Amino acid sequence: MPPARPAELTLTSDDFPEWKALWDRSIDRSKWIRAGTAARLLSSYSYPGTNIIRSSQFERSRNSIQKALDAEFAAANVTFMPAQKERLRPFFATVEKNPLTDEQAEACICMDAADQIVAAAGSGKTSTLVAKTGYLLLEGLAKPEEILLLAFNATAARELAERLGSGPVSALAFQRLS
């Protein structure tokens, strides 16, 4: 019979204030908090100090700490989303020929690592990409030369480039990457 594993403690980051103090100021709760932030924090910041009992509790609590942080950050994003949509309502109403829908505005605001927009023809994918590009620039989240928009074909890439206007933001078809 294998040895029994110690039970995972159900502690949160608040139970380790000295650990939370290491990273807490780096999280801007007035902006979108990306998915995976909790896992990144846990891998980047080890428990400080030499208290073996506390360090052991921390290590055994990693899963519960991550779940609690994921929930905390998701709740912050739920609060952030409607406030941001309201604050930028004029932008979302005028960035393209037609005002963006709520779903399109939410796709612009959500800043999780990689975005993939898949939808039927004529549903507003290009408008969403143009608006998200504008949102990134307006909010100072990216510089134009840091943005690359990829389309499935040259026609879609040309349309993106036309709607973006002249500037350093790149719009290419996948085939042009090779």
Protein backbone atom coordinates (compact mmCIF):
# COMPACT_ATOMS: atom_id res chain seq x y z
CA MET A 1 0.00 0.00 0.00
CA PRO A 2 1.46 3.41 -0.99
CA PRO A 3 2.12 5.88 1.78
CA ALA A 4 -0.70 8.30 2.44
CA ARG A 5 -0.20 11.76 0.99
CA PRO A 6 -0.68 14.66 3.32
CA ALA A 7 -4.05 16.28 2.84
CA GLU A 8 -4.06 19.51 0.87
CA LEU A 9 -4.76 22.42 3.11
CA THR A 10 -7.51 24.79 2.06
CA LEU A 11 -5.66 28.01 2.62
CA THR A 12 -5.69 31.12 0.42
CA SER A 13 -3.14 33.79 -0.36
CA ASP A 14 -4.56 35.83 2.54
CA ASP A 15 -3.26 33.13 4.89
CA PHE A 16 0.27 33.96 3.68
CA PRO A 17 0.47 37.76 3.88
CA GLU A 18 4.25 37.79 3.62
CA TRP A 19 4.01 35.91 0.30
CA LYS A 20 1.15 38.06 -0.99
CA ALA A 21 3.13 41.22 -0.15
CA LEU A 22 5.81 40.12 -2.65
CA TRP A 23 3.49 40.35 -5.67
CA ASP A 24 0.27 42.11 -4.70
CA ARG A 25 1.34 45.55 -5.95
CA SER A 26 2.11 44.08 -9.38
CA ILE A 27 -1.57 43.22 -9.95
CA ASP A 28 -3.53 46.20 -11.24
CA ARG A 29 -7.11 45.40 -10.32
CA SER A 30 -8.29 48.44 -12.29
CA LYS A 31 -7.38 46.57 -15.51
CA TRP A 32 -8.23 43.15 -16.96
CA ILE A 33 -6.37 40.39 -15.08
CA ARG A 34 -5.28 37.74 -17.56
CA ALA A 35 -6.19 34.09 -17.18
CA GLY A 36 -3.19 32.20 -15.84
CA THR A 37 -2.04 35.03 -13.58
CA ALA A 38 -2.50 32.94 -10.42
CA ALA A 39 -0.41 30.08 -11.82
CA ARG A 40 2.28 32.57 -12.91
CA LEU A 41 2.40 34.09 -9.42
CA LEU A 42 2.72 30.68 -7.79
CA SER A 43 5.57 29.70 -10.10
CA SER A 44 7.35 33.06 -9.85
CA TYR A 45 7.19 33.72 -6.11
CA SER A 46 8.25 31.11 -3.59
CA TYR A 47 7.38 31.35 0.07
CA PRO A 48 9.74 33.83 1.77
CA GLY A 49 11.49 33.14 5.02
CA THR A 50 12.81 30.10 6.78
CA ASN A 51 9.82 28.90 8.79
CA ILE A 52 9.72 25.26 7.70
CA ILE A 53 6.18 24.63 8.98
CA ARG A 54 4.75 27.70 7.17
CA SER A 55 6.73 26.87 4.02
CA SER A 56 5.40 23.31 4.09
CA GLN A 57 1.82 24.56 4.57
CA PHE A 58 2.31 26.88 1.61
CA GLU A 59 3.57 24.10 -0.65
CA ARG A 60 0.70 21.78 0.30
CA SER A 61 -1.78 24.62 -0.29
CA ARG A 62 -0.71 25.58 -3.81
CA ASN A 63 -3.84 24.18 -5.50
CA SER A 64 -6.25 25.84 -3.11
CA ILE A 65 -4.30 29.12 -3.29
CA GLN A 66 -4.45 29.03 -7.09
CA LYS A 67 -8.19 28.28 -7.09
CA ALA A 68 -8.84 31.12 -4.66
CA LEU A 69 -6.72 33.56 -6.67
CA ASP A 70 -8.36 32.47 -9.93
CA ALA A 71 -11.76 33.17 -8.35
CA GLU A 72 -10.58 36.53 -6.95
CA PHE A 73 -9.20 37.63 -10.32
CA ALA A 74 -12.30 36.41 -12.20
CA ALA A 75 -14.49 38.42 -9.81
CA ALA A 76 -12.35 41.51 -10.44
CA ASN A 77 -12.80 41.01 -14.20
CA VAL A 78 -16.57 40.63 -13.78
CA THR A 79 -16.60 44.03 -12.08
CA PHE A 80 -14.18 45.56 -14.59
CA MET A 81 -16.03 44.49 -17.77
CA PRO A 82 -19.28 46.50 -17.44
CA ALA A 83 -17.46 49.54 -16.05
CA GLN A 84 -15.04 49.51 -18.97
CA LYS A 85 -17.83 49.03 -21.52
CA GLU A 86 -19.67 52.02 -20.06
CA ARG A 87 -16.56 54.20 -19.85
CA LEU A 88 -15.69 53.49 -23.48
CA ARG A 89 -19.24 53.44 -24.87
CA PRO A 90 -18.49 56.37 -27.25
CA PHE A 91 -15.42 54.55 -28.64
CA PHE A 92 -17.30 51.27 -29.17
CA ALA A 93 -20.15 53.17 -30.85
CA THR A 94 -17.91 54.92 -33.37
CA VAL A 95 -14.79 52.81 -33.95
CA GLU A 96 -16.44 51.11 -36.93
CA LYS A 97 -19.30 52.03 -39.29
CA ASN A 98 -21.79 50.23 -37.03
CA PRO A 99 -21.66 50.30 -33.22
CA LEU A 100 -20.17 47.19 -31.68
CA THR A 101 -22.44 44.67 -30.01
CA ASP A 102 -21.93 43.82 -26.33
CA GLU A 103 -20.16 40.59 -27.33
CA GLN A 104 -17.79 42.48 -29.64
CA ALA A 105 -17.00 45.08 -26.96
CA GLU A 106 -16.35 42.28 -24.44
CA ALA A 107 -13.99 40.59 -26.93
CA CYS A 108 -12.08 43.87 -27.16
CA ILE A 109 -11.80 44.30 -23.39
CA CYS A 110 -10.87 40.70 -22.55
CA MET A 111 -7.08 40.52 -22.53
CA ASP A 112 -6.48 36.82 -21.93
CA ALA A 113 -3.22 35.65 -23.50
CA ALA A 114 -4.20 34.78 -27.08
CA ASP A 115 -7.43 35.69 -28.78
CA GLN A 116 -9.06 33.70 -31.53
CA ILE A 117 -12.25 34.99 -33.09
CA VAL A 118 -14.27 32.37 -34.92
CA ALA A 119 -17.70 33.26 -36.29
CA ALA A 120 -19.85 33.05 -39.40
CA ALA A 121 -19.34 35.26 -42.43
CA GLY A 122 -20.70 38.76 -41.97
CA SER A 123 -20.95 38.48 -38.18
CA GLY A 124 -18.46 41.24 -37.40
CA LYS A 125 -15.10 39.51 -36.96
CA THR A 126 -13.24 42.19 -38.89
CA SER A 127 -14.99 44.96 -36.93
CA THR A 128 -14.01 43.22 -33.70
CA LEU A 129 -10.36 42.95 -34.76
CA VAL A 130 -10.24 46.60 -35.84
CA ALA A 131 -11.91 47.67 -32.58
CA LYS A 132 -9.63 45.51 -30.43
CA THR A 133 -6.62 47.03 -32.16
CA GLY A 134 -8.02 50.49 -31.46
CA TYR A 135 -8.73 49.52 -27.84
CA LEU A 136 -5.16 48.28 -27.33
CA LEU A 137 -3.78 51.54 -28.67
CA LEU A 138 -6.30 53.80 -26.90
CA GLU A 139 -5.66 52.16 -23.52
CA GLY A 140 -1.88 52.07 -24.01
CA LEU A 141 -1.82 48.28 -23.73
CA ALA A 142 0.33 47.85 -26.84
CA LYS A 143 2.35 49.89 -29.30
CA PRO A 144 1.36 49.73 -32.98
CA GLU A 145 4.54 47.87 -33.91
CA GLU A 146 3.72 45.18 -31.32
CA ILE A 147 0.42 44.24 -32.99
CA LEU A 148 0.10 41.67 -35.77
CA LEU A 149 -3.34 40.78 -37.13
CA LEU A 150 -3.56 37.50 -39.05
CA ALA A 151 -6.29 36.70 -41.54
CA PHE A 152 -7.06 33.45 -43.34
CA ASN A 153 -6.55 34.94 -46.80
CA ALA A 154 -5.09 37.94 -48.62
CA THR A 155 -8.51 39.50 -49.28
CA ALA A 156 -9.37 39.56 -45.57
CA ALA A 157 -5.89 40.88 -44.72
CA ARG A 158 -6.30 43.72 -47.25
CA GLU A 159 -9.69 44.61 -45.78
CA LEU A 160 -8.20 44.70 -42.28
CA ALA A 161 -5.35 46.92 -43.47
CA GLU A 162 -7.79 49.29 -45.21
CA ARG A 163 -10.01 49.61 -42.17
CA LEU A 164 -7.04 50.19 -39.89
CA GLY A 165 -5.74 52.95 -42.16
CA SER A 166 -2.11 53.74 -42.69
CA GLY A 167 0.16 53.06 -39.78
CA PRO A 168 2.59 50.59 -38.28
CA VAL A 169 -0.02 47.94 -37.31
CA SER A 170 0.48 44.90 -39.56
CA ALA A 171 -2.30 42.84 -41.10
CA LEU A 172 -1.18 39.72 -42.98
CA ALA A 173 -2.59 36.51 -44.38
CA PHE A 174 -1.27 33.31 -42.76
CA GLN A 175 0.48 32.38 -46.02
CA ARG A 176 2.66 35.51 -45.78
CA LEU A 177 4.26 34.28 -42.55
CA SER A 178 6.35 31.59 -44.21
